[in-house]
Amino acid sequence: MSTSNSKPSILWFQLIGLSLVQGAISLTWLLYRLYVPQLLASLGFPGLFPTILVIENALGVIIEPIAGNFSDRQRKWLGTRFPLISLGVILSSGLFIAIPAFYIFGQSLNSLHWIFPILLILWGVAMAVFRSPVTALLGQYAVQTKLPQAMSILVVTGGIIGAIRPISSQFILSLGSGITFSIGSLVLLGSVGILRYFNPDLSVIPQSEEPTQKLYFRNLVFVALLGLFVALGSRLILGEVFPQIIKNYGGNTQLIMFSGLILLAFTSIPAGLFAVKIGNNKATLIGLITTAILLLFSSFVVNKIIIILVSLLMIASYSLVANGIVPIAFSLFPSQKSGLGIGVYFGAFSLAMSGYDFIIKKLGTVDLIINYRLGMMAFLITTFLVLFLPKLTIPKITE
C-alpha cells in the first residue's frame, strides 16, 4: 500500500516539457497566420489563405487519427512515441524556415509561384503528423483523475501565446518573415529538445502494468462528435462572439482581447483544481450548461456593464470546458490506444473548423445574435453527449 501511495499522480517535469511543446505549436501557428496572408498576396494569391486553412484542416481529419494510431503502435513495439514526434517536428521546423526562404528567393521566379501554396499545405501536414502523438503523452503524465489539473498547464501555456497576438502583431510583422520564422522554428525544436531531456517515455503507470482493454467503436464515434461540437462552440465564442462584443461596445480592442485571453488562460488553473475536487464529468457539465445559459442570456442583453459581467462569467465557465473535454476523451480509450483516441478527437475538431470556414464564413459576416445561439446549441449538444457517458463502456480508472 505504501508503495502505491508513493507513486506520483502527476509527472511535473515531463508535463512542463509537454506544455512548452504545446506553447511552441501555438506560437508557430500564430506566426503562420500573421504572415502567410501577406506573403500569398505578394506572390499573386490574394484571398487564398482561407482556402489553404480549409485544405489543411480537411487533411488533418485523416492524418490526425492515423498518426495517433501509429504512435500507439510505436509505443507498443519500441516503448516510445518519440520517433514519430521527432520526425514531425524536424519536418515542420525545416518547412517553416523554407516558407520565408522560398518567398525571399523565389519572388522573381513567377513560373514557380504555384509551389508556394503547396509548401504551406505540406507544413500544415507535418504539424498534423505529431500533434496527436505529442498530446497523447498527457495521458502518461497524470492519472486519470488528475488529468484536468494537468490539462490546465497546457491551457495556460497555449493561452498566453494566443493572448500576445492582439498586442504584438505589428512588432512581429516588423521583424520580417525570415527572422520571425527562424525564431519559430528554433523555439519548436528547442521545446522538443527540453521534453526529450526530461525523459518523455516515463508514465505514472508503467507500460508493463497497463491492463489490456478492448477498444469500442461507439466510443470512437462519441469522441468524434465531442470534438466536432466543442470545436464549433469554441470557434464561435473565441473567434466570433468575444471579438464582436468588443467591437460593438467600443474600447481598446487589442488590449481587451489580450486581457480576456490572459484571464481565460489563468482561470484554467483553479478550474482544473475544481474539476479534480468534484469530478471532471460533473465540472465539465457545469461549464457546458453555464456557458450555454450565458450565451442565451447575452442574446437578449444590451446593457454594456451587464454584457461585460456576463462575458467574465463566460470566461470562467468556458475554462471548465477547455480543461475537461480532452480528459473525457482520454477516459473513453484504453491507454494503449490513447493516440488513436486523441487523433479522432483532433480530426473531428479539424473537420468542424474546416466546415465552419467553408460554409458559415462564405456567407459573409454572421450576426452576433445568430452566433450567440449557434454557440448555445453547440454547447447544449455537447452537454447531452457528456450526459450520455454512463451508457458507454469506460475503461477502468487506475489510481
Protein backbone atom coordinates (compact mmCIF):
# COMPACT_ATOMS: atom_id res chain seq x y z
CA MET A 1 0.00 0.00 0.00
CA SER A 2 2.78 2.42 0.92
CA THR A 3 4.50 1.75 -2.39
CA SER A 4 1.36 2.57 -4.30
CA ASN A 5 0.85 5.77 -2.35
CA SER A 6 4.43 6.88 -3.04
CA LYS A 7 3.87 6.90 -6.79
CA PRO A 8 3.36 10.43 -8.17
CA SER A 9 -0.07 11.19 -9.62
CA ILE A 10 1.44 13.82 -11.97
CA LEU A 11 4.91 13.78 -13.57
CA TRP A 12 5.55 17.51 -13.31
CA PHE A 13 8.86 17.79 -15.18
CA GLN A 14 7.52 15.84 -18.15
CA LEU A 15 4.29 17.86 -18.04
CA ILE A 16 6.20 21.15 -18.10
CA GLY A 17 8.21 19.90 -21.08
CA LEU A 18 4.98 18.93 -22.84
CA SER A 19 3.46 22.35 -22.09
CA LEU A 20 6.48 24.02 -23.72
CA VAL A 21 5.92 21.95 -26.87
CA GLN A 22 2.24 22.92 -26.91
CA GLY A 23 3.24 26.55 -26.46
CA ALA A 24 5.69 26.27 -29.36
CA ILE A 25 2.97 24.77 -31.56
CA SER A 26 0.67 27.69 -30.68
CA LEU A 27 3.48 30.16 -31.42
CA THR A 28 4.27 28.74 -34.86
CA TRP A 29 0.59 28.81 -35.83
CA LEU A 30 0.32 32.39 -34.58
CA LEU A 31 3.28 33.47 -36.71
CA TYR A 32 1.95 31.50 -39.68
CA ARG A 33 -1.47 33.15 -39.53
CA LEU A 34 0.06 36.61 -39.19
CA TYR A 35 2.49 36.42 -42.10
CA VAL A 36 1.16 33.99 -44.68
CA PRO A 37 -1.78 36.11 -45.97
CA GLN A 38 0.69 38.90 -46.80
CA LEU A 39 3.19 36.53 -48.40
CA LEU A 40 0.47 34.96 -50.54
CA ALA A 41 -0.78 38.36 -51.68
CA SER A 42 2.76 39.42 -52.64
CA LEU A 43 3.13 36.30 -54.79
CA GLY A 44 -0.16 36.87 -56.60
CA PHE A 45 -2.53 34.80 -54.45
CA PRO A 46 -4.67 37.35 -52.58
CA GLY A 47 -7.56 35.78 -50.72
CA LEU A 48 -6.17 32.23 -50.99
CA PHE A 49 -5.26 31.86 -47.30
CA PRO A 50 -8.74 30.84 -46.04
CA THR A 51 -8.85 28.12 -48.70
CA ILE A 52 -5.44 26.83 -47.61
CA LEU A 53 -6.63 26.66 -43.99
CA VAL A 54 -9.69 24.69 -45.09
CA ILE A 55 -7.47 22.23 -47.00
CA GLU A 56 -5.07 21.88 -44.05
CA ASN A 57 -7.93 21.20 -41.63
CA ALA A 58 -9.52 18.74 -44.07
CA LEU A 59 -6.24 16.83 -44.35
CA GLY A 60 -5.98 16.88 -40.56
CA VAL A 61 -9.24 14.92 -40.37
CA ILE A 62 -7.40 11.98 -41.98
CA ILE A 63 -3.85 12.49 -40.73
CA GLU A 64 -4.51 13.04 -37.01
CA PRO A 65 -6.09 9.61 -36.28
CA ILE A 66 -3.58 7.77 -38.49
CA ALA A 67 -0.62 9.47 -36.81
CA GLY A 68 -2.09 8.88 -33.35
CA ASN A 69 -2.68 5.20 -34.07
CA PHE A 70 0.84 4.80 -35.48
CA SER A 71 2.30 6.36 -32.33
CA ASP A 72 0.33 3.81 -30.27
CA ARG A 73 1.95 1.03 -32.28
CA GLN A 74 5.38 2.60 -31.87
CA ARG A 75 4.90 2.73 -28.11
CA LYS A 76 3.85 -0.92 -28.11
CA TRP A 77 6.79 -2.05 -30.24
CA LEU A 78 9.53 0.34 -29.08
CA GLY A 79 8.24 1.64 -25.75
CA THR A 80 8.18 5.23 -27.03
CA ARG A 81 6.15 7.62 -29.20
CA PHE A 82 9.12 9.90 -29.72
CA PRO A 83 10.37 8.76 -33.16
CA LEU A 84 7.18 9.97 -34.86
CA ILE A 85 7.12 13.14 -32.76
CA SER A 86 10.75 13.88 -33.69
CA LEU A 87 10.08 13.23 -37.38
CA GLY A 88 7.09 15.57 -37.41
CA VAL A 89 8.93 18.32 -35.54
CA ILE A 90 12.02 18.14 -37.77
CA LEU A 91 9.87 18.26 -40.92
CA SER A 92 7.75 21.10 -39.53
CA SER A 93 10.79 23.14 -38.47
CA GLY A 94 12.50 22.66 -41.83
CA LEU A 95 9.40 23.57 -43.82
CA PHE A 96 8.73 26.54 -41.53
CA ILE A 97 12.11 28.03 -42.48
CA ALA A 98 11.55 27.07 -46.13
CA ILE A 99 8.41 29.26 -46.28
CA PRO A 100 10.20 32.64 -46.00
CA ALA A 101 13.22 31.29 -47.90
CA PHE A 102 11.04 30.48 -50.92
CA TYR A 103 9.30 33.84 -50.63
CA ILE A 104 12.58 35.78 -50.48
CA PHE A 105 14.46 33.91 -53.21
CA GLY A 106 11.53 32.89 -55.40
CA GLN A 107 9.76 36.22 -55.86
CA SER A 108 11.42 36.82 -59.22
CA LEU A 109 10.57 33.31 -60.47
CA ASN A 110 6.96 33.89 -61.49
CA SER A 111 6.62 30.47 -63.10
CA LEU A 112 7.33 28.77 -59.75
CA HIS A 113 4.97 30.79 -57.54
CA TRP A 114 2.44 27.94 -57.62
CA ILE A 115 4.83 25.91 -55.44
CA PHE A 116 4.33 28.28 -52.50
CA PRO A 117 0.73 27.23 -51.62
CA ILE A 118 1.81 23.58 -51.82
CA LEU A 119 4.70 24.32 -49.45
CA LEU A 120 2.23 25.85 -46.97
CA ILE A 121 -0.03 22.81 -47.11
CA LEU A 122 2.94 20.47 -46.61
CA TRP A 123 3.85 22.41 -43.47
CA GLY A 124 0.29 22.01 -42.17
CA VAL A 125 0.50 18.27 -42.86
CA ALA A 126 3.83 17.99 -40.99
CA MET A 127 2.31 19.78 -37.98
CA ALA A 128 -0.64 17.37 -38.01
CA VAL A 129 1.72 14.37 -38.01
CA PHE A 130 2.95 14.97 -34.45
CA ARG A 131 0.07 16.82 -32.74
CA SER A 132 -1.86 13.69 -31.71
CA PRO A 133 1.24 11.69 -30.64
CA VAL A 134 2.57 14.55 -28.52
CA THR A 135 -0.81 15.27 -26.90
CA ALA A 136 -1.22 11.55 -26.15
CA LEU A 137 1.77 11.93 -23.81
CA LEU A 138 -0.55 13.82 -21.45
CA GLY A 139 -2.24 10.51 -20.63
CA GLN A 140 1.12 9.12 -19.50
CA TYR A 141 1.96 12.07 -17.26
CA ALA A 142 -1.10 12.10 -14.98
CA VAL A 143 -3.50 9.57 -13.53
CA GLN A 144 -6.96 9.90 -14.98
CA THR A 145 -8.48 11.71 -12.01
CA LYS A 146 -5.70 14.35 -12.19
CA LEU A 147 -5.88 14.93 -15.94
CA PRO A 148 -7.93 18.17 -15.67
CA GLN A 149 -5.24 19.66 -13.43
CA ALA A 150 -2.52 18.54 -15.85
CA MET A 151 -4.51 19.83 -18.82
CA SER A 152 -4.75 23.25 -17.18
CA ILE A 153 -0.96 23.65 -17.52
CA LEU A 154 -1.22 23.13 -21.29
CA VAL A 155 -4.16 25.55 -21.49
CA VAL A 156 -2.18 28.22 -19.62
CA THR A 157 0.80 27.92 -21.98
CA GLY A 158 -1.29 27.95 -25.14
CA GLY A 159 -3.49 30.74 -23.78
CA ILE A 160 -0.56 33.03 -23.01
CA ILE A 161 0.81 32.56 -26.53
CA GLY A 162 -2.62 33.26 -28.03
CA ALA A 163 -3.05 36.35 -25.87
CA ILE A 164 0.08 38.07 -27.16
CA ARG A 165 -1.22 38.28 -30.73
CA PRO A 166 -3.56 41.27 -30.29
CA ILE A 167 -0.84 43.44 -28.72
CA SER A 168 2.24 42.24 -30.60
CA SER A 169 1.14 41.75 -34.21
CA GLN A 170 2.76 44.93 -35.50
CA PHE A 171 6.02 44.24 -33.67
CA ILE A 172 6.15 40.67 -35.00
CA LEU A 173 5.47 41.86 -38.55
CA SER A 174 8.21 44.49 -38.21
CA LEU A 175 10.82 41.75 -37.65
CA GLY A 176 10.41 40.36 -41.16
CA SER A 177 9.44 36.86 -42.23
CA GLY A 178 12.97 35.43 -42.30
CA ILE A 179 13.83 36.29 -38.69
CA THR A 180 10.35 35.52 -37.37
CA PHE A 181 10.02 32.09 -38.96
CA SER A 182 13.58 31.17 -37.94
CA ILE A 183 12.74 32.04 -34.32
CA GLY A 184 9.54 29.98 -34.51
CA SER A 185 11.41 27.00 -35.92
CA LEU A 186 14.13 27.18 -33.25
CA VAL A 187 11.55 27.50 -30.46
CA LEU A 188 9.75 24.39 -31.73
CA LEU A 189 12.99 22.38 -31.93
CA GLY A 190 14.14 23.68 -28.55
CA SER A 191 10.89 22.80 -26.80
CA VAL A 192 11.03 19.22 -28.08
CA GLY A 193 14.67 19.06 -27.00
CA ILE A 194 13.67 20.06 -23.47
CA LEU A 195 10.90 17.45 -23.42
CA ARG A 196 13.41 14.85 -24.63
CA TYR A 197 15.77 15.83 -21.81
CA PHE A 198 13.05 15.11 -19.22
CA ASN A 199 12.64 11.51 -20.47
CA PRO A 200 9.26 11.72 -22.26
CA ASP A 201 8.68 7.96 -22.13
CA LEU A 202 8.02 7.89 -18.39
CA SER A 203 4.48 7.16 -17.27
CA VAL A 204 2.59 7.36 -13.97
CA ILE A 205 1.55 3.78 -14.72
CA PRO A 206 4.41 1.72 -16.21
CA GLN A 207 3.56 0.30 -19.62
CA SER A 208 4.05 -3.24 -18.31
CA GLU A 209 1.34 -2.64 -15.68
CA GLU A 210 -1.27 -1.19 -18.05
CA PRO A 211 -4.26 -3.54 -18.33
CA THR A 212 -5.18 -4.76 -21.80
CA GLN A 213 -8.64 -3.44 -22.62
CA LYS A 214 -10.94 -3.53 -25.60
CA LEU A 215 -11.43 -0.55 -27.89
CA TYR A 216 -15.13 0.11 -28.62
CA PHE A 217 -16.12 1.63 -31.95
CA ARG A 218 -19.02 3.53 -30.37
CA ASN A 219 -16.50 5.32 -28.16
CA LEU A 220 -14.66 6.45 -31.29
CA VAL A 221 -17.89 7.86 -32.72
CA PHE A 222 -18.68 9.54 -29.40
CA VAL A 223 -15.27 11.24 -29.21
CA ALA A 224 -15.60 12.39 -32.82
CA LEU A 225 -18.95 14.03 -32.02
CA LEU A 226 -17.45 15.55 -28.90
CA GLY A 227 -14.58 17.08 -30.88
CA LEU A 228 -16.96 18.34 -33.58
CA PHE A 229 -19.30 20.29 -31.30
CA VAL A 230 -16.66 21.50 -28.84
CA ALA A 231 -14.69 22.91 -31.80
CA LEU A 232 -17.77 24.67 -33.15
CA GLY A 233 -18.65 26.15 -29.77
CA SER A 234 -15.07 27.22 -29.09
CA ARG A 235 -14.72 28.81 -32.51
CA LEU A 236 -17.94 30.76 -32.06
CA ILE A 237 -17.01 32.05 -28.59
CA LEU A 238 -13.35 32.89 -29.16
CA GLY A 239 -13.45 33.72 -32.87
CA GLU A 240 -16.82 35.44 -33.23
CA VAL A 241 -18.70 36.31 -30.03
CA PHE A 242 -15.96 37.96 -27.95
CA PRO A 243 -14.42 39.96 -30.84
CA GLN A 244 -17.87 41.17 -31.95
CA ILE A 245 -18.83 42.18 -28.40
CA ILE A 246 -15.64 44.24 -28.10
CA LYS A 247 -16.23 45.83 -31.50
CA ASN A 248 -19.88 46.66 -30.75
CA TYR A 249 -19.28 48.17 -27.31
CA GLY A 250 -16.09 50.06 -28.06
CA GLY A 251 -12.86 50.30 -26.13
CA ASN A 252 -9.28 49.35 -26.91
CA THR A 253 -9.91 46.16 -28.89
CA GLN A 254 -6.34 44.88 -28.74
CA LEU A 255 -5.91 45.47 -25.01
CA ILE A 256 -9.32 43.99 -24.16
CA MET A 257 -8.68 40.87 -26.24
CA PHE A 258 -5.27 40.46 -24.60
CA SER A 259 -6.78 40.84 -21.12
CA GLY A 260 -9.62 38.42 -21.89
CA LEU A 261 -7.33 35.72 -23.27
CA ILE A 262 -4.89 36.08 -20.36
CA LEU A 263 -7.81 35.77 -17.94
CA LEU A 264 -9.03 32.68 -19.81
CA ALA A 265 -5.55 31.16 -19.61
CA PHE A 266 -5.12 31.66 -15.88
CA THR A 267 -8.65 30.73 -14.83
CA SER A 268 -7.82 27.26 -16.14
CA ILE A 269 -5.65 26.62 -13.05
CA PRO A 270 -8.47 26.93 -10.47
CA ALA A 271 -10.82 25.28 -12.97
CA GLY A 272 -8.52 22.25 -13.09
CA LEU A 273 -8.33 22.03 -9.30
CA PHE A 274 -12.12 22.36 -9.09
CA ALA A 275 -12.58 19.52 -11.60
CA VAL A 276 -10.22 17.27 -9.62
CA LYS A 277 -12.14 18.01 -6.42
CA ILE A 278 -15.71 17.38 -7.62
CA GLY A 279 -15.02 15.08 -10.59
CA ASN A 280 -14.24 16.04 -14.17
CA ASN A 281 -17.53 14.96 -15.74
CA LYS A 282 -19.52 17.00 -13.22
CA ALA A 283 -17.26 20.05 -13.59
CA THR A 284 -17.41 19.87 -17.39
CA LEU A 285 -21.20 19.66 -17.29
CA ILE A 286 -21.32 22.73 -15.05
CA GLY A 287 -19.10 24.57 -17.53
CA LEU A 288 -21.12 23.49 -20.58
CA ILE A 289 -24.53 24.31 -19.11
CA THR A 290 -23.40 27.63 -17.64
CA THR A 291 -21.76 28.68 -20.91
CA ALA A 292 -24.88 27.78 -22.91
CA ILE A 293 -27.14 29.71 -20.50
CA LEU A 294 -24.87 32.76 -20.58
CA LEU A 295 -24.81 32.72 -24.39
CA LEU A 296 -28.60 32.62 -24.48
CA PHE A 297 -28.87 35.38 -21.86
CA SER A 298 -26.37 37.55 -23.75
CA SER A 299 -28.53 37.48 -26.88
CA PHE A 300 -31.21 39.47 -25.00
CA VAL A 301 -28.93 41.95 -23.18
CA VAL A 302 -27.94 45.37 -24.50
CA ASN A 303 -26.54 46.97 -21.33
CA LYS A 304 -22.75 47.35 -21.63
CA ILE A 305 -21.94 46.67 -17.96
CA ILE A 306 -24.10 43.54 -17.86
CA ILE A 307 -22.51 42.25 -21.07
CA ILE A 308 -19.04 42.73 -19.55
CA LEU A 309 -20.03 40.86 -16.38
CA VAL A 310 -21.62 38.05 -18.38
CA SER A 311 -18.50 37.80 -20.57
CA LEU A 312 -16.31 37.43 -17.47
CA LEU A 313 -18.57 34.67 -16.16
CA MET A 314 -18.44 33.02 -19.57
CA ILE A 315 -14.64 33.00 -19.48
CA ALA A 316 -14.75 31.21 -16.12
CA SER A 317 -17.34 28.65 -17.26
CA TYR A 318 -15.57 28.01 -20.57
CA SER A 319 -12.35 27.27 -18.64
CA LEU A 320 -14.08 24.22 -17.16
CA VAL A 321 -14.89 23.05 -20.69
CA ALA A 322 -11.39 23.73 -22.06
CA ASN A 323 -9.85 21.76 -19.20
CA GLY A 324 -12.35 18.93 -19.11
CA ILE A 325 -13.07 17.75 -22.65
CA VAL A 326 -9.67 16.24 -23.50
CA PRO A 327 -9.56 14.26 -20.21
CA ILE A 328 -13.04 12.94 -21.04
CA ALA A 329 -11.70 11.80 -24.43
CA PHE A 330 -8.80 10.05 -22.67
CA SER A 331 -11.24 8.27 -20.35
CA LEU A 332 -13.01 6.58 -23.26
CA PHE A 333 -9.98 4.70 -24.58
CA PRO A 334 -7.61 2.12 -23.14
CA SER A 335 -4.19 3.64 -22.52
CA GLN A 336 -2.76 1.53 -25.36
CA LYS A 337 -5.00 3.44 -27.80
CA SER A 338 -4.78 6.97 -26.40
CA GLY A 339 -3.01 8.24 -29.53
CA LEU A 340 -5.82 6.98 -31.75
CA GLY A 341 -8.45 8.43 -29.42
CA ILE A 342 -6.88 11.88 -29.30
CA GLY A 343 -6.29 11.66 -33.06
CA VAL A 344 -10.00 11.04 -33.65
CA TYR A 345 -10.84 13.97 -31.36
CA PHE A 346 -8.45 16.34 -33.16
CA GLY A 347 -9.58 15.03 -36.54
CA ALA A 348 -13.19 15.90 -35.72
CA PHE A 349 -12.02 19.22 -34.29
CA SER A 350 -10.29 19.97 -37.61
CA LEU A 351 -13.42 18.93 -39.52
CA ALA A 352 -15.51 21.42 -37.57
CA MET A 353 -13.02 24.21 -38.17
CA SER A 354 -12.80 23.39 -41.86
CA GLY A 355 -16.58 23.17 -42.19
CA TYR A 356 -17.08 26.45 -40.33
CA ASP A 357 -14.62 28.31 -42.54
CA PHE A 358 -16.01 26.79 -45.72
CA ILE A 359 -19.75 27.04 -45.05
CA ILE A 360 -20.55 29.73 -42.49
CA LYS A 361 -17.79 32.22 -43.29
CA LYS A 362 -18.61 32.01 -47.00
CA LEU A 363 -21.98 33.54 -46.12
CA GLY A 364 -20.22 36.72 -45.01
CA THR A 365 -20.46 38.37 -41.60
CA VAL A 366 -22.78 36.41 -39.32
CA ASP A 367 -24.98 38.42 -36.96
CA LEU A 368 -23.90 38.42 -33.30
CA ILE A 369 -27.28 37.12 -32.14
CA ILE A 370 -27.01 34.17 -34.52
CA ASN A 371 -23.50 33.45 -33.20
CA TYR A 372 -24.83 33.51 -29.64
CA ARG A 373 -27.49 30.95 -30.45
CA LEU A 374 -25.29 28.74 -32.61
CA GLY A 375 -22.77 28.65 -29.77
CA MET A 376 -25.51 27.84 -27.27
CA MET A 377 -26.69 24.94 -29.45
CA ALA A 378 -23.15 23.58 -29.81
CA PHE A 379 -22.59 23.57 -26.05
CA LEU A 380 -26.03 22.09 -25.33
CA ILE A 381 -25.38 19.23 -27.76
CA THR A 382 -22.02 18.66 -26.06
CA THR A 383 -23.86 18.65 -22.71
CA PHE A 384 -26.15 15.85 -23.89
CA LEU A 385 -23.12 13.91 -25.14
CA VAL A 386 -21.43 14.14 -21.73
CA LEU A 387 -24.70 13.14 -20.02
CA PHE A 388 -24.69 10.06 -22.27
CA LEU A 389 -21.28 8.98 -20.93
CA PRO A 390 -22.63 6.48 -18.35
CA LYS A 391 -24.15 4.44 -21.20
CA LEU A 392 -20.72 3.93 -22.77
CA THR A 393 -18.18 1.30 -21.79
CA ILE A 394 -15.47 3.24 -19.97
CA PRO A 395 -12.03 1.71 -19.37
CA LYS A 396 -11.38 1.25 -15.67
CA ILE A 397 -9.63 4.18 -13.98
CA THR A 398 -6.36 3.26 -12.36
CA GLU A 399 -5.22 5.48 -9.50
